[in-house]
Amino acid sequence: MHVLSIPTWVIHVSSVIEWITAIWLIWLYAEASGNLAWRNLSFGMLPALVSAMCACTWHFFDNTLALEWLVTLQAAMTVVGNATMCLAAWQISKQSIVNSKI
């Protein structure tokens, strides 16, 4: 009943791979542009990646009740990730305003 279909697994796994790739590309952009505020966005994305990995792990083990704490951890990491990405975006915006005045 809880087993995910192969297309659903493809979506789950590809989403995690895409998120890792986005983190890496944003890090490279920070280095290339010299605007290190973008690195904070890479760090801010990590809790959301942990959230996705929690979901994949829970589904991999067939949503067993012994791992139900992963659902709580996933929710917490989603909230933390949203907050850290919001903070990082604010810092990028603030840095862009400073750079535009120079």
C-alpha atoms as a PDB file:
ATOM      1  CA  MET A   1       0.000   0.000   0.000  1.00  0.00           C
ATOM      2  CA  HIS A   2       2.788   2.452   0.864  1.00  0.00           C
ATOM      3  CA  VAL A   3       5.233   1.425  -1.847  1.00  0.00           C
ATOM      4  CA  LEU A   4       5.830   4.218  -4.324  1.00  0.00           C
ATOM      5  CA  SER A   5       5.629   3.589  -8.046  1.00  0.00           C
ATOM      6  CA  ILE A   6       8.765   3.728 -10.162  1.00  0.00           C
ATOM      7  CA  PRO A   7       7.771   7.058 -11.772  1.00  0.00           C
ATOM      8  CA  THR A   8       7.224   8.540  -8.306  1.00  0.00           C
ATOM      9  CA  TRP A   9      10.664   7.295  -7.206  1.00  0.00           C
ATOM     10  CA  VAL A  10      12.197   8.836 -10.320  1.00  0.00           C
ATOM     11  CA  ILE A  11      10.643  12.172  -9.387  1.00  0.00           C
ATOM     12  CA  HIS A  12      11.810  11.910  -5.757  1.00  0.00           C
ATOM     13  CA  VAL A  13      15.391  10.956  -6.618  1.00  0.00           C
ATOM     14  CA  SER A  14      15.715  13.410  -9.505  1.00  0.00           C
ATOM     15  CA  SER A  15      14.437  16.212  -7.259  1.00  0.00           C
ATOM     16  CA  VAL A  16      17.173  15.474  -4.714  1.00  0.00           C
ATOM     17  CA  ILE A  17      19.797  15.378  -7.483  1.00  0.00           C
ATOM     18  CA  GLU A  18      18.484  18.662  -8.913  1.00  0.00           C
ATOM     19  CA  TRP A  19      18.620  20.294  -5.474  1.00  0.00           C
ATOM     20  CA  ILE A  20      22.226  19.166  -4.963  1.00  0.00           C
ATOM     21  CA  THR A  21      23.094  20.486  -8.421  1.00  0.00           C
ATOM     22  CA  ALA A  22      21.423  23.838  -7.679  1.00  0.00           C
ATOM     23  CA  ILE A  23      23.365  24.186  -4.427  1.00  0.00           C
ATOM     24  CA  TRP A  24      26.620  23.474  -6.259  1.00  0.00           C
ATOM     25  CA  LEU A  25      25.844  25.862  -9.147  1.00  0.00           C
ATOM     26  CA  ILE A  26      24.902  28.680  -6.764  1.00  0.00           C
ATOM     27  CA  TRP A  27      28.190  28.119  -4.913  1.00  0.00           C
ATOM     28  CA  LEU A  28      30.075  28.361  -8.216  1.00  0.00           C
ATOM     29  CA  TYR A  29      28.150  31.516  -9.116  1.00  0.00           C
ATOM     30  CA  ALA A  30      29.198  33.071  -5.805  1.00  0.00           C
ATOM     31  CA  GLU A  31      32.831  32.405  -6.631  1.00  0.00           C
ATOM     32  CA  ALA A  32      32.572  33.569 -10.250  1.00  0.00           C
ATOM     33  CA  SER A  33      30.667  36.757  -9.452  1.00  0.00           C
ATOM     34  CA  GLY A  34      32.687  37.628  -6.375  1.00  0.00           C
ATOM     35  CA  ASN A  35      29.416  38.194  -4.519  1.00  0.00           C
ATOM     36  CA  LEU A  36      29.883  35.827  -1.612  1.00  0.00           C
ATOM     37  CA  ALA A  37      26.381  36.559  -0.304  1.00  0.00           C
ATOM     38  CA  TRP A  38      25.265  33.861  -2.761  1.00  0.00           C
ATOM     39  CA  ARG A  39      27.166  31.283  -0.691  1.00  0.00           C
ATOM     40  CA  ASN A  40      24.704  31.894   2.108  1.00  0.00           C
ATOM     41  CA  LEU A  41      21.940  30.750  -0.216  1.00  0.00           C
ATOM     42  CA  SER A  42      23.824  27.491  -0.803  1.00  0.00           C
ATOM     43  CA  PHE A  43      24.052  26.956   2.940  1.00  0.00           C
ATOM     44  CA  GLY A  44      20.428  28.013   3.363  1.00  0.00           C
ATOM     45  CA  MET A  45      19.322  25.335   0.906  1.00  0.00           C
ATOM     46  CA  LEU A  46      20.876  22.498   2.929  1.00  0.00           C
ATOM     47  CA  PRO A  47      18.005  22.105   5.442  1.00  0.00           C
ATOM     48  CA  ALA A  48      15.561  21.704   2.545  1.00  0.00           C
ATOM     49  CA  LEU A  49      17.851  19.029   1.105  1.00  0.00           C
ATOM     50  CA  VAL A  50      17.796  17.221   4.462  1.00  0.00           C
ATOM     51  CA  SER A  51      14.011  17.476   4.374  1.00  0.00           C
ATOM     52  CA  ALA A  52      13.871  15.816   0.959  1.00  0.00           C
ATOM     53  CA  MET A  53      16.244  13.091   2.072  1.00  0.00           C
ATOM     54  CA  CYS A  54      14.063  12.416   5.108  1.00  0.00           C
ATOM     55  CA  ALA A  55      11.059  11.911   2.837  1.00  0.00           C
ATOM     56  CA  CYS A  56      12.972   9.556   0.537  1.00  0.00           C
ATOM     57  CA  THR A  57      14.320   7.558   3.477  1.00  0.00           C
ATOM     58  CA  TRP A  58      10.907   7.197   5.068  1.00  0.00           C
ATOM     59  CA  HIS A  59       9.363   6.029   1.793  1.00  0.00           C
ATOM     60  CA  PHE A  60      12.298   3.690   1.101  1.00  0.00           C
ATOM     61  CA  PHE A  61      11.564   1.871   4.357  1.00  0.00           C
ATOM     62  CA  ASP A  62       7.858   1.618   3.454  1.00  0.00           C
ATOM     63  CA  ASN A  63       6.679   4.367   5.827  1.00  0.00           C
ATOM     64  CA  THR A  64       7.412   2.207   8.857  1.00  0.00           C
ATOM     65  CA  LEU A  65       6.166   3.580  12.159  1.00  0.00           C
ATOM     66  CA  ALA A  66       9.612   3.132  13.708  1.00  0.00           C
ATOM     67  CA  LEU A  67      10.834   5.926  11.435  1.00  0.00           C
ATOM     68  CA  GLU A  68       7.864   8.228  11.878  1.00  0.00           C
ATOM     69  CA  TRP A  69      10.175  10.726  13.575  1.00  0.00           C
ATOM     70  CA  LEU A  70      11.537  11.399  10.082  1.00  0.00           C
ATOM     71  CA  VAL A  71       8.221  13.032   9.207  1.00  0.00           C
ATOM     72  CA  THR A  72       8.658  15.456  12.097  1.00  0.00           C
ATOM     73  CA  LEU A  73      12.280  16.075  11.125  1.00  0.00           C
ATOM     74  CA  GLN A  74      11.212  16.649   7.520  1.00  0.00           C
ATOM     75  CA  ALA A  75       8.648  19.244   8.591  1.00  0.00           C
ATOM     76  CA  ALA A  76      11.145  20.982  10.869  1.00  0.00           C
ATOM     77  CA  MET A  77      13.818  21.070   8.176  1.00  0.00           C
ATOM     78  CA  THR A  78      11.311  22.493   5.700  1.00  0.00           C
ATOM     79  CA  VAL A  79      10.556  25.363   8.099  1.00  0.00           C
ATOM     80  CA  VAL A  80      14.238  25.936   8.865  1.00  0.00           C
ATOM     81  CA  GLY A  81      15.129  25.743   5.163  1.00  0.00           C
ATOM     82  CA  ASN A  82      12.442  28.243   4.202  1.00  0.00           C
ATOM     83  CA  ALA A  83      13.683  30.629   6.880  1.00  0.00           C
ATOM     84  CA  THR A  84      17.370  30.280   5.971  1.00  0.00           C
ATOM     85  CA  MET A  85      16.678  30.700   2.243  1.00  0.00           C
ATOM     86  CA  CYS A  86      14.574  33.771   2.993  1.00  0.00           C
ATOM     87  CA  LEU A  87      17.380  35.244   5.083  1.00  0.00           C
ATOM     88  CA  ALA A  88      19.940  34.457   2.379  1.00  0.00           C
ATOM     89  CA  ALA A  89      17.744  36.068  -0.293  1.00  0.00           C
ATOM     90  CA  TRP A  90      17.435  39.180   1.883  1.00  0.00           C
ATOM     91  CA  GLN A  91      21.230  39.314   2.244  1.00  0.00           C
ATOM     92  CA  ILE A  92      21.680  38.937  -1.530  1.00  0.00           C
ATOM     93  CA  SER A  93      19.178  41.748  -2.080  1.00  0.00           C
ATOM     94  CA  LYS A  94      20.904  43.956   0.461  1.00  0.00           C
ATOM     95  CA  GLN A  95      24.309  43.268  -1.106  1.00  0.00           C
ATOM     96  CA  SER A  96      22.935  44.033  -4.582  1.00  0.00           C
ATOM     97  CA  ILE A  97      21.659  47.404  -3.396  1.00  0.00           C
ATOM     98  CA  VAL A  98      25.063  48.211  -1.898  1.00  0.00           C
ATOM     99  CA  ASN A  99      26.851  47.143  -5.095  1.00  0.00           C
ATOM    100  CA  SER A 100      24.521  49.206  -7.289  1.00  0.00           C
ATOM    101  CA  LYS A 101      25.387  52.374  -5.347  1.00  0.00           C
ATOM    102  CA  ILE A 102      29.082  51.964  -5.946  1.00  0.00           C
END
